Amino acid sequence: MAVTRLTIRVRPGAASTRVGGAYGEALAVAVRPRAAEGKATEAALVAVAEALGVRRRDVRLISGAKSRTKVLEVSGSDGLDERVRVLRGRASR
């Protein structure tokens, strides 16, 4: 099982939840919930798991619980790095 470290940049309060595009070196993640009581963080972890095709329990927050920039550890099948590269290249619309 492959394990990948991933930096994401969360934009809480977006009109819709979406994963794609880049914010510097980070993967851009927009989520509907506002940044209160960890709701935006949890929504971002769920969105990343769905976008990468892994279970939510395979996505673990390493750092950035109260920051828009977060570091995640994602466990999954081989090809995870390629899926992340594809998402970074996709513009978030």
PDB file of N, CA and C in Angstrom:
ATOM      1  N   MET A   1       0.845  -1.187   0.000  1.00  0.00           N
ATOM      2  CA  MET A   1       0.000   0.000   0.000  1.00  0.00           C
ATOM      3  C   MET A   1       0.883   1.240   0.000  1.00  0.00           C
ATOM      4  N   ALA A   2       0.596   2.145  -0.911  1.00  0.00           N
ATOM      5  CA  ALA A   2       1.360   3.377  -1.048  1.00  0.00           C
ATOM      6  C   ALA A   2       0.878   4.414  -0.042  1.00  0.00           C
ATOM      7  N   VAL A   3       1.821   5.191   0.483  1.00  0.00           N
ATOM      8  CA  VAL A   3       1.486   6.297   1.381  1.00  0.00           C
ATOM      9  C   VAL A   3       2.087   7.559   0.780  1.00  0.00           C
ATOM     10  N   THR A   4       1.266   8.588   0.652  1.00  0.00           N
ATOM     11  CA  THR A   4       1.684   9.839   0.037  1.00  0.00           C
ATOM     12  C   THR A   4       1.409  10.994   0.979  1.00  0.00           C
ATOM     13  N   ARG A   5       2.385  11.887   1.117  1.00  0.00           N
ATOM     14  CA  ARG A   5       2.162  13.147   1.844  1.00  0.00           C
ATOM     15  C   ARG A   5       1.687  14.166   0.837  1.00  0.00           C
ATOM     16  N   LEU A   6       0.679  14.928   1.233  1.00  0.00           N
ATOM     17  CA  LEU A   6       0.027  15.853   0.332  1.00  0.00           C
ATOM     18  C   LEU A   6      -0.273  17.151   1.066  1.00  0.00           C
ATOM     19  N   THR A   7       0.086  18.269   0.469  1.00  0.00           N
ATOM     20  CA  THR A   7      -0.253  19.577   1.029  1.00  0.00           C
ATOM     21  C   THR A   7      -1.465  20.095   0.280  1.00  0.00           C
ATOM     22  N   ILE A   8      -2.460  20.544   1.046  1.00  0.00           N
ATOM     23  CA  ILE A   8      -3.661  21.111   0.435  1.00  0.00           C
ATOM     24  C   ILE A   8      -3.860  22.530   0.949  1.00  0.00           C
ATOM     25  N   ARG A   9      -4.551  23.329   0.162  1.00  0.00           N
ATOM     26  CA  ARG A   9      -4.933  24.684   0.573  1.00  0.00           C
ATOM     27  C   ARG A   9      -6.456  24.730   0.524  1.00  0.00           C
ATOM     28  N   VAL A  10      -7.079  24.914   1.670  1.00  0.00           N
ATOM     29  CA  VAL A  10      -8.536  24.851   1.787  1.00  0.00           C
ATOM     30  C   VAL A  10      -9.139  26.245   1.670  1.00  0.00           C
ATOM     31  N   ARG A  11     -10.222  26.333   0.891  1.00  0.00           N
ATOM     32  CA  ARG A  11     -10.986  27.574   0.782  1.00  0.00           C
ATOM     33  C   ARG A  11     -12.382  27.296   1.335  1.00  0.00           C
ATOM     34  N   PRO A  12     -12.607  27.609   2.615  1.00  0.00           N
ATOM     35  CA  PRO A  12     -13.922  27.364   3.214  1.00  0.00           C
ATOM     36  C   PRO A  12     -14.961  28.369   2.722  1.00  0.00           C
ATOM     37  N   GLY A  13     -16.223  27.999   2.823  1.00  0.00           N
ATOM     38  CA  GLY A  13     -17.309  28.893   2.459  1.00  0.00           C
ATOM     39  C   GLY A  13     -17.509  29.038   0.963  1.00  0.00           C
ATOM     40  N   ALA A  14     -17.025  28.074   0.183  1.00  0.00           N
ATOM     41  CA  ALA A  14     -17.172  28.133  -1.274  1.00  0.00           C
ATOM     42  C   ALA A  14     -18.604  27.782  -1.668  1.00  0.00           C
ATOM     43  N   ALA A  15     -18.981  28.144  -2.877  1.00  0.00           N
ATOM     44  CA  ALA A  15     -20.327  27.853  -3.375  1.00  0.00           C
ATOM     45  C   ALA A  15     -20.555  26.351  -3.524  1.00  0.00           C
ATOM     46  N   SER A  16     -19.481  25.621  -3.859  1.00  0.00           N
ATOM     47  CA  SER A  16     -19.586  24.163  -3.988  1.00  0.00           C
ATOM     48  C   SER A  16     -18.260  23.533  -3.578  1.00  0.00           C
ATOM     49  N   THR A  17     -18.307  22.260  -3.257  1.00  0.00           N
ATOM     50  CA  THR A  17     -17.102  21.536  -2.880  1.00  0.00           C
ATOM     51  C   THR A  17     -16.443  21.005  -4.143  1.00  0.00           C
ATOM     52  N   ARG A  18     -15.134  21.248  -4.275  1.00  0.00           N
ATOM     53  CA  ARG A  18     -14.399  20.750  -5.430  1.00  0.00           C
ATOM     54  C   ARG A  18     -12.909  20.642  -5.100  1.00  0.00           C
ATOM     55  N   VAL A  19     -12.276  19.715  -5.771  1.00  0.00           N
ATOM     56  CA  VAL A  19     -10.848  19.476  -5.591  1.00  0.00           C
ATOM     57  C   VAL A  19     -10.190  19.594  -6.952  1.00  0.00           C
ATOM     58  N   GLY A  20      -9.183  20.436  -7.048  1.00  0.00           N
ATOM     59  CA  GLY A  20      -8.474  20.559  -8.309  1.00  0.00           C
ATOM     60  C   GLY A  20      -7.804  21.898  -8.451  1.00  0.00           C
ATOM     61  N   GLY A  21      -6.724  21.898  -9.176  1.00  0.00           N
ATOM     62  CA  GLY A  21      -5.946  23.100  -9.360  1.00  0.00           C
ATOM     63  C   GLY A  21      -4.848  23.186  -8.316  1.00  0.00           C
ATOM     64  N   ALA A  22      -4.039  24.185  -8.456  1.00  0.00           N
ATOM     65  CA  ALA A  22      -2.902  24.330  -7.553  1.00  0.00           C
ATOM     66  C   ALA A  22      -2.934  25.691  -6.884  1.00  0.00           C
ATOM     67  N   TYR A  23      -2.420  25.714  -5.689  1.00  0.00           N
ATOM     68  CA  TYR A  23      -2.200  26.950  -4.944  1.00  0.00           C
ATOM     69  C   TYR A  23      -0.736  26.883  -4.548  1.00  0.00           C
ATOM     70  N   GLY A  24       0.143  27.415  -5.377  1.00  0.00           N
ATOM     71  CA  GLY A  24       1.579  27.202  -5.184  1.00  0.00           C
ATOM     72  C   GLY A  24       1.868  25.726  -5.409  1.00  0.00           C
ATOM     73  N   GLU A  25       2.458  25.084  -4.421  1.00  0.00           N
ATOM     74  CA  GLU A  25       2.742  23.651  -4.494  1.00  0.00           C
ATOM     75  C   GLU A  25       1.601  22.808  -3.932  1.00  0.00           C
ATOM     76  N   ALA A  26       0.594  23.441  -3.367  1.00  0.00           N
ATOM     77  CA  ALA A  26      -0.506  22.731  -2.706  1.00  0.00           C
ATOM     78  C   ALA A  26      -1.646  22.448  -3.679  1.00  0.00           C
ATOM     79  N   LEU A  27      -2.397  21.422  -3.375  1.00  0.00           N
ATOM     80  CA  LEU A  27      -3.608  21.085  -4.118  1.00  0.00           C
ATOM     81  C   LEU A  27      -4.744  21.951  -3.584  1.00  0.00           C
ATOM     82  N   ALA A  28      -5.465  22.607  -4.465  1.00  0.00           N
ATOM     83  CA  ALA A  28      -6.563  23.486  -4.052  1.00  0.00           C
ATOM     84  C   ALA A  28      -7.817  22.665  -3.753  1.00  0.00           C
ATOM     85  N   VAL A  29      -8.434  22.953  -2.598  1.00  0.00           N
ATOM     86  CA  VAL A  29      -9.655  22.265  -2.181  1.00  0.00           C
ATOM     87  C   VAL A  29     -10.644  23.320  -1.689  1.00  0.00           C
ATOM     88  N   ALA A  30     -11.786  23.416  -2.357  1.00  0.00           N
ATOM     89  CA  ALA A  30     -12.835  24.348  -1.942  1.00  0.00           C
ATOM     90  C   ALA A  30     -13.946  23.535  -1.276  1.00  0.00           C
ATOM     91  N   VAL A  31     -14.428  24.007  -0.136  1.00  0.00           N
ATOM     92  CA  VAL A  31     -15.492  23.301   0.591  1.00  0.00           C
ATOM     93  C   VAL A  31     -16.588  24.279   0.992  1.00  0.00           C
ATOM     94  N   ARG A  32     -17.812  23.783   1.081  1.00  0.00           N
ATOM     95  CA  ARG A  32     -18.948  24.621   1.451  1.00  0.00           C
ATOM     96  C   ARG A  32     -18.932  25.067   2.913  1.00  0.00           C
ATOM     97  N   PRO A  33     -18.646  24.167   3.878  1.00  0.00           N
ATOM     98  CA  PRO A  33     -18.706  24.596   5.280  1.00  0.00           C
ATOM     99  C   PRO A  33     -17.712  25.714   5.590  1.00  0.00           C
ATOM    100  N   ARG A  34     -18.105  26.582   6.472  1.00  0.00           N
ATOM    101  CA  ARG A  34     -17.223  27.649   6.940  1.00  0.00           C
ATOM    102  C   ARG A  34     -16.219  27.067   7.931  1.00  0.00           C
ATOM    103  N   ALA A  35     -15.165  27.810   8.182  1.00  0.00           N
ATOM    104  CA  ALA A  35     -14.105  27.375   9.082  1.00  0.00           C
ATOM    105  C   ALA A  35     -14.527  27.563  10.535  1.00  0.00           C
ATOM    106  N   ALA A  36     -15.351  26.670  11.028  1.00  0.00           N
ATOM    107  CA  ALA A  36     -15.804  26.727  12.418  1.00  0.00           C
ATOM    108  C   ALA A  36     -15.928  25.308  12.950  1.00  0.00           C
ATOM    109  N   GLU A  37     -15.351  25.083  14.110  1.00  0.00           N
ATOM    110  CA  GLU A  37     -15.454  23.794  14.804  1.00  0.00           C
ATOM    111  C   GLU A  37     -14.933  22.630  13.975  1.00  0.00           C
ATOM    112  N   GLY A  38     -13.965  22.876  13.103  1.00  0.00           N
ATOM    113  CA  GLY A  38     -13.358  21.810  12.314  1.00  0.00           C
ATOM    114  C   GLY A  38     -14.195  21.292  11.162  1.00  0.00           C
ATOM    115  N   LYS A  39     -15.314  21.942  10.880  1.00  0.00           N
ATOM    116  CA  LYS A  39     -16.198  21.467   9.815  1.00  0.00           C
ATOM    117  C   LYS A  39     -15.557  21.583   8.435  1.00  0.00           C
ATOM    118  N   ALA A  40     -14.852  22.669   8.162  1.00  0.00           N
ATOM    119  CA  ALA A  40     -14.198  22.841   6.864  1.00  0.00           C
ATOM    120  C   ALA A  40     -13.074  21.824   6.698  1.00  0.00           C
ATOM    121  N   THR A  41     -12.336  21.574   7.764  1.00  0.00           N
ATOM    122  CA  THR A  41     -11.250  20.584   7.698  1.00  0.00           C
ATOM    123  C   THR A  41     -11.807  19.203   7.389  1.00  0.00           C
ATOM    124  N   GLU A  42     -12.834  18.790   8.091  1.00  0.00           N
ATOM    125  CA  GLU A  42     -13.421  17.472   7.848  1.00  0.00           C
ATOM    126  C   GLU A  42     -13.983  17.374   6.435  1.00  0.00           C
ATOM    127  N   ALA A  43     -14.635  18.431   5.967  1.00  0.00           N
ATOM    128  CA  ALA A  43     -15.170  18.433   4.601  1.00  0.00           C
ATOM    129  C   ALA A  43     -14.041  18.314   3.581  1.00  0.00           C
ATOM    130  N   ALA A  44     -12.909  18.963   3.847  1.00  0.00           N
ATOM    131  CA  ALA A  44     -11.765  18.882   2.943  1.00  0.00           C
ATOM    132  C   ALA A  44     -11.194  17.471   2.908  1.00  0.00           C
ATOM    133  N   LEU A  45     -11.112  16.820   4.056  1.00  0.00           N
ATOM    134  CA  LEU A  45     -10.582  15.451   4.099  1.00  0.00           C
ATOM    135  C   LEU A  45     -11.496  14.496   3.337  1.00  0.00           C
ATOM    136  N   VAL A  46     -12.799  14.667   3.489  1.00  0.00           N
ATOM    137  CA  VAL A  46     -13.775  13.840   2.761  1.00  0.00           C
ATOM    138  C   VAL A  46     -13.649  14.092   1.258  1.00  0.00           C
ATOM    139  N   ALA A  47     -13.539  15.344   0.861  1.00  0.00           N
ATOM    140  CA  ALA A  47     -13.442  15.696  -0.560  1.00  0.00           C
ATOM    141  C   ALA A  47     -12.173  15.124  -1.187  1.00  0.00           C
ATOM    142  N   VAL A  48     -11.060  15.201  -0.472  1.00  0.00           N
ATOM    143  CA  VAL A  48      -9.796  14.661  -0.985  1.00  0.00           C
ATOM    144  C   VAL A  48      -9.903  13.140  -1.127  1.00  0.00           C
ATOM    145  N   ALA A  49     -10.480  12.487  -0.131  1.00  0.00           N
ATOM    146  CA  ALA A  49     -10.643  11.030  -0.200  1.00  0.00           C
ATOM    147  C   ALA A  49     -11.471  10.639  -1.420  1.00  0.00           C
ATOM    148  N   GLU A  50     -12.583  11.319  -1.634  1.00  0.00           N
ATOM    149  CA  GLU A  50     -13.440  11.016  -2.783  1.00  0.00           C
ATOM    150  C   GLU A  50     -12.716  11.279  -4.099  1.00  0.00           C
ATOM    151  N   ALA A  51     -11.996  12.399  -4.185  1.00  0.00           N
ATOM    152  CA  ALA A  51     -11.289  12.753  -5.421  1.00  0.00           C
ATOM    153  C   ALA A  51     -10.185  11.750  -5.752  1.00  0.00           C
ATOM    154  N   LEU A  52      -9.556  11.191  -4.720  1.00  0.00           N
ATOM    155  CA  LEU A  52      -8.463  10.240  -4.936  1.00  0.00           C
ATOM    156  C   LEU A  52      -8.941   8.792  -4.992  1.00  0.00           C
ATOM    157  N   GLY A  53     -10.212   8.576  -4.717  1.00  0.00           N
ATOM    158  CA  GLY A  53     -10.747   7.220  -4.776  1.00  0.00           C
ATOM    159  C   GLY A  53     -10.306   6.329  -3.635  1.00  0.00           C
ATOM    160  N   VAL A  54     -10.134   6.931  -2.448  1.00  0.00           N
ATOM    161  CA  VAL A  54      -9.777   6.155  -1.261  1.00  0.00           C
ATOM    162  C   VAL A  54     -10.846   6.369  -0.189  1.00  0.00           C
ATOM    163  N   ARG A  55     -10.804   5.557   0.839  1.00  0.00           N
ATOM    164  CA  ARG A  55     -11.750   5.718   1.953  1.00  0.00           C
ATOM    165  C   ARG A  55     -11.327   6.910   2.809  1.00  0.00           C
ATOM    166  N   ARG A  56     -12.272   7.510   3.477  1.00  0.00           N
ATOM    167  CA  ARG A  56     -11.988   8.657   4.351  1.00  0.00           C
ATOM    168  C   ARG A  56     -10.970   8.280   5.416  1.00  0.00           C
ATOM    169  N   ARG A  57     -11.052   7.063   5.934  1.00  0.00           N
ATOM    170  CA  ARG A  57     -10.119   6.654   6.997  1.00  0.00           C
ATOM    171  C   ARG A  57      -8.681   6.516   6.493  1.00  0.00           C
ATOM    172  N   ASP A  58      -8.488   6.533   5.171  1.00  0.00           N
ATOM    173  CA  ASP A  58      -7.147   6.460   4.593  1.00  0.00           C
ATOM    174  C   ASP A  58      -6.514   7.838   4.423  1.00  0.00           C
ATOM    175  N   VAL A  59      -7.232   8.884   4.810  1.00  0.00           N
ATOM    176  CA  VAL A  59      -6.726  10.260   4.728  1.00  0.00           C
ATOM    177  C   VAL A  59      -6.580  10.778   6.156  1.00  0.00           C
ATOM    178  N   ARG A  60      -5.334  11.109   6.518  1.00  0.00           N
ATOM    179  CA  ARG A  60      -5.056  11.517   7.898  1.00  0.00           C
ATOM    180  C   ARG A  60      -4.420  12.902   7.911  1.00  0.00           C
ATOM    181  N   LEU A  61      -4.927  13.772   8.769  1.00  0.00           N
ATOM    182  CA  LEU A  61      -4.386  15.117   8.925  1.00  0.00           C
ATOM    183  C   LEU A  61      -3.091  15.039   9.733  1.00  0.00           C
ATOM    184  N   ILE A  62      -2.000  15.547   9.166  1.00  0.00           N
ATOM    185  CA  ILE A  62      -0.704  15.548   9.849  1.00  0.00           C
ATOM    186  C   ILE A  62      -0.483  16.885  10.553  1.00  0.00           C
ATOM    187  N   SER A  63      -0.772  17.977   9.838  1.00  0.00           N
ATOM    188  CA  SER A  63      -0.611  19.301  10.451  1.00  0.00           C
ATOM    189  C   SER A  63      -1.543  20.293   9.776  1.00  0.00           C
ATOM    190  N   GLY A  64      -1.839  21.386  10.488  1.00  0.00           N
ATOM    191  CA  GLY A  64      -2.643  22.464   9.926  1.00  0.00           C
ATOM    192  C   GLY A  64      -4.105  22.430  10.308  1.00  0.00           C
ATOM    193  N   ALA A  65      -4.431  21.861  11.456  1.00  0.00           N
ATOM    194  CA  ALA A  65      -5.833  21.750  11.877  1.00  0.00           C
ATOM    195  C   ALA A  65      -6.537  23.102  11.884  1.00  0.00           C
ATOM    196  N   LYS A  66      -5.842  24.172  12.221  1.00  0.00           N
ATOM    197  CA  LYS A  66      -6.467  25.492  12.304  1.00  0.00           C
ATOM    198  C   LYS A  66      -5.942  26.442  11.229  1.00  0.00           C
ATOM    199  N   SER A  67      -5.334  25.877  10.205  1.00  0.00           N
ATOM    200  CA  SER A  67      -4.769  26.672   9.119  1.00  0.00           C
ATOM    201  C   SER A  67      -5.457  26.299   7.807  1.00  0.00           C
ATOM    202  N   ARG A  68      -5.415  27.193   6.846  1.00  0.00           N
ATOM    203  CA  ARG A  68      -5.960  26.855   5.525  1.00  0.00           C
ATOM    204  C   ARG A  68      -5.027  25.921   4.776  1.00  0.00           C
ATOM    205  N   THR A  69      -3.740  25.976   5.095  1.00  0.00           N
ATOM    206  CA  THR A  69      -2.772  25.062   4.490  1.00  0.00           C
ATOM    207  C   THR A  69      -2.598  23.877   5.417  1.00  0.00           C
ATOM    208  N   LYS A  70      -2.829  22.677   4.892  1.00  0.00           N
ATOM    209  CA  LYS A  70      -2.800  21.461   5.691  1.00  0.00           C
ATOM    210  C   LYS A  70      -1.917  20.417   5.026  1.00  0.00           C
ATOM    211  N   VAL A  71      -1.300  19.581   5.828  1.00  0.00           N
ATOM    212  CA  VAL A  71      -0.518  18.461   5.319  1.00  0.00           C
ATOM    213  C   VAL A  71      -1.268  17.189   5.676  1.00  0.00           C
ATOM    214  N   LEU A  72      -1.483  16.348   4.654  1.00  0.00           N
ATOM    215  CA  LEU A  72      -2.212  15.099   4.829  1.00  0.00           C
ATOM    216  C   LEU A  72      -1.307  13.926   4.508  1.00  0.00           C
ATOM    217  N   GLU A  73      -1.641  12.786   5.069  1.00  0.00           N
ATOM    218  CA  GLU A  73      -1.021  11.531   4.690  1.00  0.00           C
ATOM    219  C   GLU A  73      -2.135  10.665   4.131  1.00  0.00           C
ATOM    220  N   VAL A  74      -1.955  10.207   2.898  1.00  0.00           N
ATOM    221  CA  VAL A  74      -2.984   9.436   2.214  1.00  0.00           C
ATOM    222  C   VAL A  74      -2.448   8.047   1.930  1.00  0.00           C
ATOM    223  N   SER A  75      -3.176   7.027   2.383  1.00  0.00           N
ATOM    224  CA  SER A  75      -2.827   5.643   2.107  1.00  0.00           C
ATOM    225  C   SER A  75      -3.738   5.144   1.002  1.00  0.00           C
ATOM    226  N   GLY A  76      -3.178   4.410   0.077  1.00  0.00           N
ATOM    227  CA  GLY A  76      -4.007   3.897  -1.010  1.00  0.00           C
ATOM    228  C   GLY A  76      -3.222   2.998  -1.923  1.00  0.00           C
ATOM    229  N   SER A  77      -3.824   2.674  -3.028  1.00  0.00           N
ATOM    230  CA  SER A  77      -3.195   1.788  -3.985  1.00  0.00           C
ATOM    231  C   SER A  77      -2.106   2.524  -4.761  1.00  0.00           C
ATOM    232  N   ASP A  78      -1.331   1.774  -5.507  1.00  0.00           N
ATOM    233  CA  ASP A  78      -0.319   2.380  -6.366  1.00  0.00           C
ATOM    234  C   ASP A  78      -1.013   3.321  -7.348  1.00  0.00           C
ATOM    235  N   GLY A  79      -0.308   4.321  -7.799  1.00  0.00           N
ATOM    236  CA  GLY A  79      -0.884   5.283  -8.721  1.00  0.00           C
ATOM    237  C   GLY A  79      -1.454   6.501  -8.027  1.00  0.00           C
ATOM    238  N   LEU A  80      -1.338   6.550  -6.712  1.00  0.00           N
ATOM    239  CA  LEU A  80      -1.863   7.673  -5.938  1.00  0.00           C
ATOM    240  C   LEU A  80      -1.164   8.979  -6.319  1.00  0.00           C
ATOM    241  N   ASP A  81       0.153   8.923  -6.485  1.00  0.00           N
ATOM    242  CA  ASP A  81       0.904  10.130  -6.860  1.00  0.00           C
ATOM    243  C   ASP A  81       0.437  10.670  -8.204  1.00  0.00           C
ATOM    244  N   GLU A  82       0.147   9.773  -9.140  1.00  0.00           N
ATOM    245  CA  GLU A  82      -0.324  10.202 -10.461  1.00  0.00           C
ATOM    246  C   GLU A  82      -1.694  10.867 -10.361  1.00  0.00           C
ATOM    247  N   ARG A  83      -2.590  10.320  -9.528  1.00  0.00           N
ATOM    248  CA  ARG A  83      -3.910  10.930  -9.355  1.00  0.00           C
ATOM    249  C   ARG A  83      -3.788  12.324  -8.764  1.00  0.00           C
ATOM    250  N   VAL A  84      -2.855  12.505  -7.836  1.00  0.00           N
ATOM    251  CA  VAL A  84      -2.627  13.831  -7.240  1.00  0.00           C
ATOM    252  C   VAL A  84      -2.130  14.796  -8.306  1.00  0.00           C
ATOM    253  N   ARG A  85      -1.203  14.360  -9.161  1.00  0.00           N
ATOM    254  CA  ARG A  85      -0.684  15.222 -10.229  1.00  0.00           C
ATOM    255  C   ARG A  85      -1.810  15.645 -11.178  1.00  0.00           C
ATOM    256  N   VAL A  86      -2.685  14.733 -11.497  1.00  0.00           N
ATOM    257  CA  VAL A  86      -3.804  15.055 -12.382  1.00  0.00           C
ATOM    258  C   VAL A  86      -4.717  16.098 -11.741  1.00  0.00           C
ATOM    259  N   LEU A  87      -5.013  15.924 -10.453  1.00  0.00           N
ATOM    260  CA  LEU A  87      -5.871  16.891  -9.756  1.00  0.00           C
ATOM    261  C   LEU A  87      -5.218  18.270  -9.679  1.00  0.00           C
ATOM    262  N   ARG A  88      -3.909  18.324  -9.455  1.00  0.00           N
ATOM    263  CA  ARG A  88      -3.215  19.613  -9.397  1.00  0.00           C
ATOM    264  C   ARG A  88      -3.309  20.337 -10.723  1.00  0.00           C
ATOM    265  N   GLY A  89      -3.280  19.574 -11.807  1.00  0.00           N
ATOM    266  CA  GLY A  89      -3.332  20.173 -13.129  1.00  0.00           C
ATOM    267  C   GLY A  89      -4.721  20.604 -13.535  1.00  0.00           C
ATOM    268  N   ARG A  90      -5.741  20.096 -12.844  1.00  0.00           N
ATOM    269  CA  ARG A  90      -7.122  20.415 -13.170  1.00  0.00           C
ATOM    270  C   ARG A  90      -7.514  21.736 -12.529  1.00  0.00           C
ATOM    271  N   ALA A  91      -8.021  22.631 -13.315  1.00  0.00           N
ATOM    272  CA  ALA A  91      -8.481  23.919 -12.781  1.00  0.00           C
ATOM    273  C   ALA A  91      -9.743  23.697 -11.981  1.00  0.00           C
ATOM    274  N   SER A  92      -9.839  24.302 -10.814  1.00  0.00           N
ATOM    275  CA  SER A  92     -11.043  24.150  -9.988  1.00  0.00           C
ATOM    276  C   SER A  92     -12.079  25.181 -10.409  1.00  0.00           C
ATOM    277  N   ARG A  93     -13.139  24.715 -11.004  1.00  0.00           N
ATOM    278  CA  ARG A  93     -14.211  25.598 -11.486  1.00  0.00           C
ATOM    279  C   ARG A  93     -15.477  25.289 -10.776  1.00  0.00           C
TER     280      ARG A  93
END
